[in-house]
C-alpha atoms as a PDB file:
ATOM      1  CA  UNK A   1      15.781 -50.543 151.882  1.00  0.00           C
ATOM      2  CA  UNK A   2      19.271 -51.523 152.970  1.00  0.00           C
ATOM      3  CA  UNK A   3      20.581 -49.508 155.929  1.00  0.00           C
ATOM      4  CA  UNK A   4      24.102 -48.619 156.956  1.00  0.00           C
ATOM      5  CA  UNK A   5      24.543 -49.615 160.607  1.00  0.00           C
ATOM      6  CA  UNK A   6      27.398 -49.312 163.074  1.00  0.00           C
ATOM      7  CA  UNK A   7      26.597 -51.514 166.071  1.00  0.00           C
ATOM      8  CA  UNK A   8      28.650 -51.820 169.237  1.00  0.00           C
ATOM      9  CA  UNK A   9      28.862 -55.097 171.125  1.00  0.00           C
ATOM     10  CA  UNK A  10      30.012 -54.380 174.668  1.00  0.00           C
ATOM     11  CA  UNK A  11      30.162 -58.088 175.552  1.00  0.00           C
ATOM     12  CA  UNK A  12      30.723 -58.738 179.295  1.00  0.00           C
ATOM     13  CA  UNK A  13      32.164 -55.308 180.009  1.00  0.00           C
ATOM     14  CA  UNK A  14      31.148 -52.295 182.140  1.00  0.00           C
ATOM     15  CA  UNK A  15      29.255 -52.164 185.397  1.00  0.00           C
ATOM     16  CA  UNK A  16      25.871 -50.482 185.243  1.00  0.00           C
ATOM     17  CA  UNK A  17      27.234 -47.042 186.308  1.00  0.00           C
ATOM     18  CA  UNK A  18      30.086 -47.354 183.785  1.00  0.00           C
ATOM     19  CA  UNK A  19      27.724 -48.439 181.025  1.00  0.00           C
ATOM     20  CA  UNK A  20      25.280 -45.636 181.737  1.00  0.00           C
ATOM     21  CA  UNK A  21      28.111 -43.101 181.634  1.00  0.00           C
ATOM     22  CA  UNK A  22      29.381 -44.499 178.328  1.00  0.00           C
ATOM     23  CA  UNK A  23      25.916 -44.503 176.734  1.00  0.00           C
ATOM     24  CA  UNK A  24      25.228 -40.945 177.906  1.00  0.00           C
ATOM     25  CA  UNK A  25      28.604 -39.754 176.582  1.00  0.00           C
ATOM     26  CA  UNK A  26      27.857 -41.300 173.182  1.00  0.00           C
ATOM     27  CA  UNK A  27      24.369 -39.802 173.228  1.00  0.00           C
ATOM     28  CA  UNK A  28      25.784 -36.343 173.968  1.00  0.00           C
ATOM     29  CA  UNK A  29      28.472 -36.686 171.297  1.00  0.00           C
ATOM     30  CA  UNK A  30      25.919 -37.589 168.624  1.00  0.00           C
ATOM     31  CA  UNK A  31      23.605 -34.663 169.408  1.00  0.00           C
ATOM     32  CA  UNK A  32      23.146 -32.408 166.409  1.00  0.00           C
ATOM     33  CA  UNK A  33      25.286 -34.598 164.144  1.00  0.00           C
ATOM     34  CA  UNK A  34      23.969 -35.653 160.742  1.00  0.00           C
ATOM     35  CA  UNK A  35      24.929 -39.303 160.339  1.00  0.00           C
ATOM     36  CA  UNK A  36      25.009 -41.546 157.289  1.00  0.00           C
ATOM     37  CA  UNK A  37      24.385 -44.663 159.347  1.00  0.00           C
ATOM     38  CA  UNK A  38      22.197 -45.942 162.145  1.00  0.00           C
ATOM     39  CA  UNK A  39      23.955 -46.433 165.492  1.00  0.00           C
ATOM     40  CA  UNK A  40      23.171 -49.375 167.794  1.00  0.00           C
ATOM     41  CA  UNK A  41      24.744 -50.395 171.105  1.00  0.00           C
ATOM     42  CA  UNK A  42      24.580 -53.983 172.332  1.00  0.00           C
ATOM     43  CA  UNK A  43      24.750 -53.907 176.126  1.00  0.00           C
ATOM     44  CA  UNK A  44      24.514 -56.418 178.999  1.00  0.00           C
ATOM     45  CA  UNK A  45      21.040 -57.426 180.199  1.00  0.00           C
ATOM     46  CA  UNK A  46      21.561 -55.541 183.467  1.00  0.00           C
ATOM     47  CA  UNK A  47      21.964 -52.271 181.555  1.00  0.00           C
ATOM     48  CA  UNK A  48      19.128 -52.445 179.037  1.00  0.00           C
ATOM     49  CA  UNK A  49      16.272 -50.643 180.799  1.00  0.00           C
ATOM     50  CA  UNK A  50      18.453 -47.953 182.374  1.00  0.00           C
ATOM     51  CA  UNK A  51      20.253 -47.124 179.134  1.00  0.00           C
ATOM     52  CA  UNK A  52      17.072 -47.168 177.030  1.00  0.00           C
ATOM     53  CA  UNK A  53      15.560 -44.638 179.440  1.00  0.00           C
ATOM     54  CA  UNK A  54      18.660 -42.430 179.563  1.00  0.00           C
ATOM     55  CA  UNK A  55      19.390 -41.841 175.864  1.00  0.00           C
ATOM     56  CA  UNK A  56      17.621 -40.718 172.710  1.00  0.00           C
ATOM     57  CA  UNK A  57      16.608 -44.078 171.266  1.00  0.00           C
ATOM     58  CA  UNK A  58      15.649 -42.435 167.971  1.00  0.00           C
ATOM     59  CA  UNK A  59      19.371 -41.664 167.588  1.00  0.00           C
ATOM     60  CA  UNK A  60      20.878 -44.772 169.207  1.00  0.00           C
ATOM     61  CA  UNK A  61      19.211 -48.174 169.024  1.00  0.00           C
ATOM     62  CA  UNK A  62      19.578 -50.375 172.085  1.00  0.00           C
ATOM     63  CA  UNK A  63      20.316 -54.079 171.659  1.00  0.00           C
ATOM     64  CA  UNK A  64      20.562 -57.077 173.950  1.00  0.00           C
ATOM     65  CA  UNK A  65      23.533 -59.363 173.375  1.00  0.00           C
ATOM     66  CA  UNK A  66      21.436 -62.537 173.508  1.00  0.00           C
ATOM     67  CA  UNK A  67      18.040 -63.897 174.529  1.00  0.00           C
ATOM     68  CA  UNK A  68      16.680 -67.259 175.651  1.00  0.00           C
ATOM     69  CA  UNK A  69      15.346 -69.936 173.317  1.00  0.00           C
ATOM     70  CA  UNK A  70      12.261 -70.288 175.511  1.00  0.00           C
ATOM     71  CA  UNK A  71       9.339 -67.861 175.782  1.00  0.00           C
ATOM     72  CA  UNK A  72       8.960 -68.133 179.592  1.00  0.00           C
ATOM     73  CA  UNK A  73       8.943 -70.646 182.404  1.00  0.00           C
ATOM     74  CA  UNK A  74      11.219 -72.434 184.861  1.00  0.00           C
ATOM     75  CA  UNK A  75      14.543 -71.470 183.271  1.00  0.00           C
ATOM     76  CA  UNK A  76      16.438 -69.895 186.146  1.00  0.00           C
ATOM     77  CA  UNK A  77      18.800 -67.133 185.047  1.00  0.00           C
ATOM     78  CA  UNK A  78      17.520 -66.901 181.476  1.00  0.00           C
ATOM     79  CA  UNK A  79      16.188 -63.709 179.871  1.00  0.00           C
ATOM     80  CA  UNK A  80      13.398 -64.026 177.313  1.00  0.00           C
ATOM     81  CA  UNK A  81      12.873 -62.008 174.151  1.00  0.00           C
ATOM     82  CA  UNK A  82       9.717 -60.531 175.710  1.00  0.00           C
ATOM     83  CA  UNK A  83      11.747 -59.379 178.718  1.00  0.00           C
ATOM     84  CA  UNK A  84      14.302 -57.774 176.412  1.00  0.00           C
ATOM     85  CA  UNK A  85      11.586 -55.995 174.426  1.00  0.00           C
ATOM     86  CA  UNK A  86       9.962 -54.719 177.631  1.00  0.00           C
ATOM     87  CA  UNK A  87      13.123 -52.741 178.475  1.00  0.00           C
ATOM     88  CA  UNK A  88      12.840 -50.564 175.362  1.00  0.00           C
ATOM     89  CA  UNK A  89      15.509 -52.464 173.423  1.00  0.00           C
ATOM     90  CA  UNK A  90      14.791 -52.866 169.715  1.00  0.00           C
ATOM     91  CA  UNK A  91      17.565 -55.274 168.662  1.00  0.00           C
ATOM     92  CA  UNK A  92      19.142 -58.515 169.851  1.00  0.00           C
ATOM     93  CA  UNK A  93      22.483 -60.022 168.801  1.00  0.00           C
ATOM     94  CA  UNK A  94      22.062 -63.737 168.060  1.00  0.00           C
ATOM     95  CA  UNK A  95      24.487 -66.451 167.014  1.00  0.00           C
ATOM     96  CA  UNK A  96      27.655 -64.622 168.002  1.00  0.00           C
ATOM     97  CA  UNK A  97      30.709 -66.852 167.595  1.00  0.00           C
ATOM     98  CA  UNK A  98      31.319 -66.719 171.352  1.00  0.00           C
ATOM     99  CA  UNK A  99      27.803 -68.020 172.035  1.00  0.00           C
ATOM    100  CA  UNK A 100      28.265 -70.778 169.466  1.00  0.00           C
ATOM    101  CA  UNK A 101      31.707 -71.789 170.787  1.00  0.00           C
ATOM    102  CA  UNK A 102      31.400 -71.384 174.566  1.00  0.00           C
ATOM    103  CA  UNK A 103      27.700 -72.133 175.084  1.00  0.00           C
ATOM    104  CA  UNK A 104      27.235 -74.663 172.275  1.00  0.00           C
ATOM    105  CA  UNK A 105      24.354 -72.878 170.619  1.00  0.00           C
ATOM    106  CA  UNK A 106      23.179 -75.044 167.735  1.00  0.00           C
ATOM    107  CA  UNK A 107      21.488 -73.948 164.497  1.00  0.00           C
ATOM    108  CA  UNK A 108      18.205 -75.287 165.902  1.00  0.00           C
ATOM    109  CA  UNK A 109      18.517 -73.255 169.111  1.00  0.00           C
ATOM    110  CA  UNK A 110      19.314 -70.149 167.073  1.00  0.00           C
ATOM    111  CA  UNK A 111      16.365 -70.788 164.783  1.00  0.00           C
ATOM    112  CA  UNK A 112      14.075 -70.721 167.837  1.00  0.00           C
ATOM    113  CA  UNK A 113      15.743 -67.587 169.231  1.00  0.00           C
ATOM    114  CA  UNK A 114      15.224 -65.790 165.915  1.00  0.00           C
ATOM    115  CA  UNK A 115      11.542 -66.713 165.904  1.00  0.00           C
ATOM    116  CA  UNK A 116      11.031 -65.537 169.506  1.00  0.00           C
ATOM    117  CA  UNK A 117      12.922 -62.290 168.873  1.00  0.00           C
ATOM    118  CA  UNK A 118      10.829 -61.477 165.826  1.00  0.00           C
ATOM    119  CA  UNK A 119       7.597 -62.415 167.594  1.00  0.00           C
ATOM    120  CA  UNK A 120       8.495 -59.693 170.111  1.00  0.00           C
ATOM    121  CA  UNK A 121       9.314 -57.087 167.448  1.00  0.00           C
ATOM    122  CA  UNK A 122      13.064 -57.275 168.057  1.00  0.00           C
ATOM    123  CA  UNK A 123      15.413 -57.001 165.078  1.00  0.00           C
ATOM    124  CA  UNK A 124      17.910 -59.876 165.168  1.00  0.00           C
ATOM    125  CA  UNK A 125      21.516 -59.021 164.357  1.00  0.00           C
ATOM    126  CA  UNK A 126      22.392 -62.544 163.288  1.00  0.00           C
ATOM    127  CA  UNK A 127      26.079 -63.473 163.323  1.00  0.00           C
ATOM    128  CA  UNK A 128      27.745 -65.893 160.941  1.00  0.00           C
ATOM    129  CA  UNK A 129      31.377 -66.683 160.236  1.00  0.00           C
ATOM    130  CA  UNK A 130      34.142 -69.247 160.049  1.00  0.00           C
ATOM    131  CA  UNK A 131      37.030 -70.161 162.360  1.00  0.00           C
ATOM    132  CA  UNK A 132      40.663 -70.149 161.194  1.00  0.00           C
ATOM    133  CA  UNK A 133      40.768 -73.867 160.355  1.00  0.00           C
ATOM    134  CA  UNK A 134      37.700 -73.516 158.141  1.00  0.00           C
ATOM    135  CA  UNK A 135      39.129 -70.449 156.376  1.00  0.00           C
ATOM    136  CA  UNK A 136      42.466 -72.204 155.770  1.00  0.00           C
ATOM    137  CA  UNK A 137      40.638 -75.267 154.420  1.00  0.00           C
ATOM    138  CA  UNK A 138      38.749 -73.069 151.954  1.00  0.00           C
ATOM    139  CA  UNK A 139      35.408 -73.899 153.589  1.00  0.00           C
ATOM    140  CA  UNK A 140      34.383 -70.347 154.540  1.00  0.00           C
ATOM    141  CA  UNK A 141      31.670 -70.034 151.872  1.00  0.00           C
ATOM    142  CA  UNK A 142      30.278 -73.446 152.802  1.00  0.00           C
ATOM    143  CA  UNK A 143      30.264 -72.599 156.529  1.00  0.00           C
ATOM    144  CA  UNK A 144      28.414 -69.285 156.240  1.00  0.00           C
ATOM    145  CA  UNK A 145      25.900 -70.768 153.785  1.00  0.00           C
ATOM    146  CA  UNK A 146      25.094 -73.555 156.258  1.00  0.00           C
ATOM    147  CA  UNK A 147      24.742 -71.124 159.177  1.00  0.00           C
ATOM    148  CA  UNK A 148      22.295 -68.985 157.214  1.00  0.00           C
ATOM    149  CA  UNK A 149      20.289 -71.859 155.744  1.00  0.00           C
ATOM    150  CA  UNK A 150      19.971 -73.887 158.947  1.00  0.00           C
ATOM    151  CA  UNK A 151      18.751 -71.029 161.154  1.00  0.00           C
ATOM    152  CA  UNK A 152      17.097 -68.508 158.812  1.00  0.00           C
ATOM    153  CA  UNK A 153      15.889 -70.061 155.569  1.00  0.00           C
ATOM    154  CA  UNK A 154      12.620 -71.227 157.118  1.00  0.00           C
ATOM    155  CA  UNK A 155      11.592 -67.540 157.219  1.00  0.00           C
ATOM    156  CA  UNK A 156       9.363 -66.023 154.568  1.00  0.00           C
ATOM    157  CA  UNK A 157      10.844 -63.305 152.352  1.00  0.00           C
ATOM    158  CA  UNK A 158       8.923 -60.706 154.349  1.00  0.00           C
ATOM    159  CA  UNK A 159      10.248 -62.067 157.641  1.00  0.00           C
ATOM    160  CA  UNK A 160      13.798 -62.334 156.341  1.00  0.00           C
ATOM    161  CA  UNK A 161      13.612 -58.694 155.350  1.00  0.00           C
ATOM    162  CA  UNK A 162      13.691 -57.829 159.065  1.00  0.00           C
ATOM    163  CA  UNK A 163      17.024 -59.605 159.699  1.00  0.00           C
ATOM    164  CA  UNK A 164      20.398 -57.863 159.917  1.00  0.00           C
ATOM    165  CA  UNK A 165      23.345 -60.160 159.183  1.00  0.00           C
ATOM    166  CA  UNK A 166      26.808 -59.730 160.694  1.00  0.00           C
ATOM    167  CA  UNK A 167      29.687 -61.606 159.100  1.00  0.00           C
ATOM    168  CA  UNK A 168      32.438 -62.192 161.638  1.00  0.00           C
ATOM    169  CA  UNK A 169      35.621 -63.966 160.571  1.00  0.00           C
ATOM    170  CA  UNK A 170      36.189 -65.642 163.925  1.00  0.00           C
ATOM    171  CA  UNK A 171      39.926 -65.772 163.247  1.00  0.00           C
ATOM    172  CA  UNK A 172      39.980 -61.956 163.167  1.00  0.00           C
ATOM    173  CA  UNK A 173      38.223 -61.249 166.481  1.00  0.00           C
ATOM    174  CA  UNK A 174      40.517 -60.113 169.266  1.00  0.00           C
ATOM    175  CA  UNK A 175      43.523 -61.636 167.504  1.00  0.00           C
ATOM    176  CA  UNK A 176      44.855 -58.488 165.902  1.00  0.00           C
ATOM    177  CA  UNK A 177      44.249 -60.106 162.506  1.00  0.00           C
ATOM    178  CA  UNK A 178      41.807 -58.400 160.190  1.00  0.00           C
ATOM    179  CA  UNK A 179      40.300 -59.664 156.987  1.00  0.00           C
ATOM    180  CA  UNK A 180      41.308 -57.350 154.181  1.00  0.00           C
ATOM    181  CA  UNK A 181      38.615 -55.147 152.702  1.00  0.00           C
ATOM    182  CA  UNK A 182      38.795 -57.360 149.607  1.00  0.00           C
ATOM    183  CA  UNK A 183      38.267 -60.537 151.675  1.00  0.00           C
ATOM    184  CA  UNK A 184      35.337 -58.913 153.461  1.00  0.00           C
ATOM    185  CA  UNK A 185      33.772 -57.783 150.177  1.00  0.00           C
ATOM    186  CA  UNK A 186      34.253 -61.219 148.612  1.00  0.00           C
ATOM    187  CA  UNK A 187      32.371 -63.077 151.329  1.00  0.00           C
ATOM    188  CA  UNK A 188      29.719 -60.363 151.776  1.00  0.00           C
ATOM    189  CA  UNK A 189      29.026 -60.568 148.020  1.00  0.00           C
ATOM    190  CA  UNK A 190      28.836 -64.357 148.297  1.00  0.00           C
ATOM    191  CA  UNK A 191      26.352 -64.085 151.193  1.00  0.00           C
ATOM    192  CA  UNK A 192      24.212 -61.708 149.156  1.00  0.00           C
ATOM    193  CA  UNK A 193      24.261 -64.140 146.224  1.00  0.00           C
ATOM    194  CA  UNK A 194      23.153 -66.949 148.563  1.00  0.00           C
ATOM    195  CA  UNK A 195      20.238 -64.792 149.723  1.00  0.00           C
ATOM    196  CA  UNK A 196      19.328 -63.900 146.141  1.00  0.00           C
ATOM    197  CA  UNK A 197      19.191 -67.580 145.175  1.00  0.00           C
ATOM    198  CA  UNK A 198      16.663 -68.203 147.965  1.00  0.00           C
ATOM    199  CA  UNK A 199      14.648 -64.979 148.178  1.00  0.00           C
ATOM    200  CA  UNK A 200      15.382 -63.077 144.965  1.00  0.00           C
ATOM    201  CA  UNK A 201      17.504 -60.034 144.134  1.00  0.00           C
ATOM    202  CA  UNK A 202      15.300 -57.466 145.884  1.00  0.00           C
ATOM    203  CA  UNK A 203      15.424 -59.139 149.303  1.00  0.00           C
ATOM    204  CA  UNK A 204      19.166 -59.774 148.898  1.00  0.00           C
ATOM    205  CA  UNK A 205      19.869 -56.184 147.877  1.00  0.00           C
ATOM    206  CA  UNK A 206      17.843 -54.836 150.808  1.00  0.00           C
ATOM    207  CA  UNK A 207      19.620 -56.973 153.436  1.00  0.00           C
ATOM    208  CA  UNK A 208      22.090 -55.132 155.669  1.00  0.00           C
ATOM    209  CA  UNK A 209      25.292 -57.168 156.084  1.00  0.00           C
ATOM    210  CA  UNK A 210      27.725 -55.910 158.723  1.00  0.00           C
ATOM    211  CA  UNK A 211      31.396 -56.787 159.043  1.00  0.00           C
ATOM    212  CA  UNK A 212      32.421 -57.952 162.504  1.00  0.00           C
ATOM    213  CA  UNK A 213      36.139 -58.612 162.670  1.00  0.00           C
ATOM    214  CA  UNK A 214      38.473 -56.131 164.387  1.00  0.00           C
ATOM    215  CA  UNK A 215      37.003 -53.117 162.638  1.00  0.00           C
ATOM    216  CA  UNK A 216      38.464 -49.860 163.931  1.00  0.00           C
ATOM    217  CA  UNK A 217      38.878 -46.196 163.091  1.00  0.00           C
ATOM    218  CA  UNK A 218      41.827 -46.844 160.805  1.00  0.00           C
ATOM    219  CA  UNK A 219      40.267 -49.520 158.571  1.00  0.00           C
ATOM    220  CA  UNK A 220      36.527 -48.711 158.768  1.00  0.00           C
ATOM    221  CA  UNK A 221      36.496 -46.275 155.855  1.00  0.00           C
ATOM    222  CA  UNK A 222      38.080 -48.774 153.470  1.00  0.00           C
ATOM    223  CA  UNK A 223      35.826 -51.618 154.651  1.00  0.00           C
ATOM    224  CA  UNK A 224      32.647 -49.526 154.427  1.00  0.00           C
ATOM    225  CA  UNK A 225      33.545 -48.308 150.931  1.00  0.00           C
ATOM    226  CA  UNK A 226      32.940 -51.818 149.593  1.00  0.00           C
ATOM    227  CA  UNK A 227      29.529 -52.167 147.916  1.00  0.00           C
ATOM    228  CA  UNK A 228      28.420 -55.186 149.962  1.00  0.00           C
ATOM    229  CA  UNK A 229      29.699 -54.057 153.386  1.00  0.00           C
ATOM    230  CA  UNK A 230      26.953 -52.075 155.110  1.00  0.00           C
ATOM    231  CA  UNK A 231      28.660 -51.259 158.388  1.00  0.00           C
ATOM    232  CA  UNK A 232      30.199 -53.030 161.327  1.00  0.00           C
ATOM    233  CA  UNK A 233      29.560 -55.009 164.490  1.00  0.00           C
ATOM    234  CA  UNK A 234      32.207 -53.467 166.714  1.00  0.00           C
ATOM    235  CA  UNK A 235      33.675 -55.048 169.847  1.00  0.00           C
ATOM    236  CA  UNK A 236      36.471 -53.396 171.824  1.00  0.00           C
ATOM    237  CA  UNK A 237      36.393 -50.100 169.934  1.00  0.00           C
ATOM    238  CA  UNK A 238      32.761 -49.540 171.000  1.00  0.00           C
ATOM    239  CA  UNK A 239      33.801 -49.299 174.659  1.00  0.00           C
ATOM    240  CA  UNK A 240      35.284 -45.824 174.225  1.00  0.00           C
ATOM    241  CA  UNK A 241      33.461 -42.983 172.489  1.00  0.00           C
ATOM    242  CA  UNK A 242      36.674 -41.565 171.009  1.00  0.00           C
ATOM    243  CA  UNK A 243      37.353 -44.934 169.329  1.00  0.00           C
ATOM    244  CA  UNK A 244      33.743 -45.610 168.316  1.00  0.00           C
ATOM    245  CA  UNK A 245      33.043 -42.224 166.729  1.00  0.00           C
ATOM    246  CA  UNK A 246      35.629 -42.499 163.905  1.00  0.00           C
ATOM    247  CA  UNK A 247      33.934 -45.763 162.870  1.00  0.00           C
ATOM    248  CA  UNK A 248      30.488 -44.152 162.917  1.00  0.00           C
ATOM    249  CA  UNK A 249      31.855 -41.249 160.884  1.00  0.00           C
ATOM    250  CA  UNK A 250      33.624 -43.514 158.377  1.00  0.00           C
ATOM    251  CA  UNK A 251      30.634 -43.440 156.035  1.00  0.00           C
ATOM    252  CA  UNK A 252      31.198 -40.713 153.469  1.00  0.00           C
ATOM    253  CA  UNK A 253      29.134 -37.591 153.946  1.00  0.00           C
END
């Protein structure tokens, strides 16, 4: 069944002591609260094992922000999916626009990363989305369809059922621009229709699709009220508990 998820992506922020303090504060804040969504935090590799050991992982899922496209071997500085899983993490963010843009991750590389993540029982939070030029050219549907098809459509329906998608309008990340709730719903509905055409209505309906573009406490409620928006992949606002909590609590009780 489709889940509501609010996932933080800390990116390259916080030292280990700072990250531990932030995770523990969130853990303490969530104690005893009845939530209408799952909560996940995506943290730097250096933090994974310490944070997974320090919090209630039945309440907060721990995610890596990436993993290697190789299982093991002479790849100095890389971190494999098996290494991530061994820390107690249960999720991994793959295909983030920053990885695609700055580190030239191709659909083929991402396809391999997805396979390795799933082979190690990690749930991929797979990011898709268009840049401003593509949105202005009216190519946003075409772009997200290609990103899904090229990296995920080799999966069986059962395998695809383990994927979480995150739509991120790249033009709305860290720019102060935000897609309207209507724009978010339009493309989320389109993504779901693309999935239905490949895997059928049941798989499409069960897929969690997060919104990942400058979501915050003031717009989360409106975004999450849309029938095809199942939560958010949150950047800056996940770095402070008082900013993250209003997003978590945006799902109606």
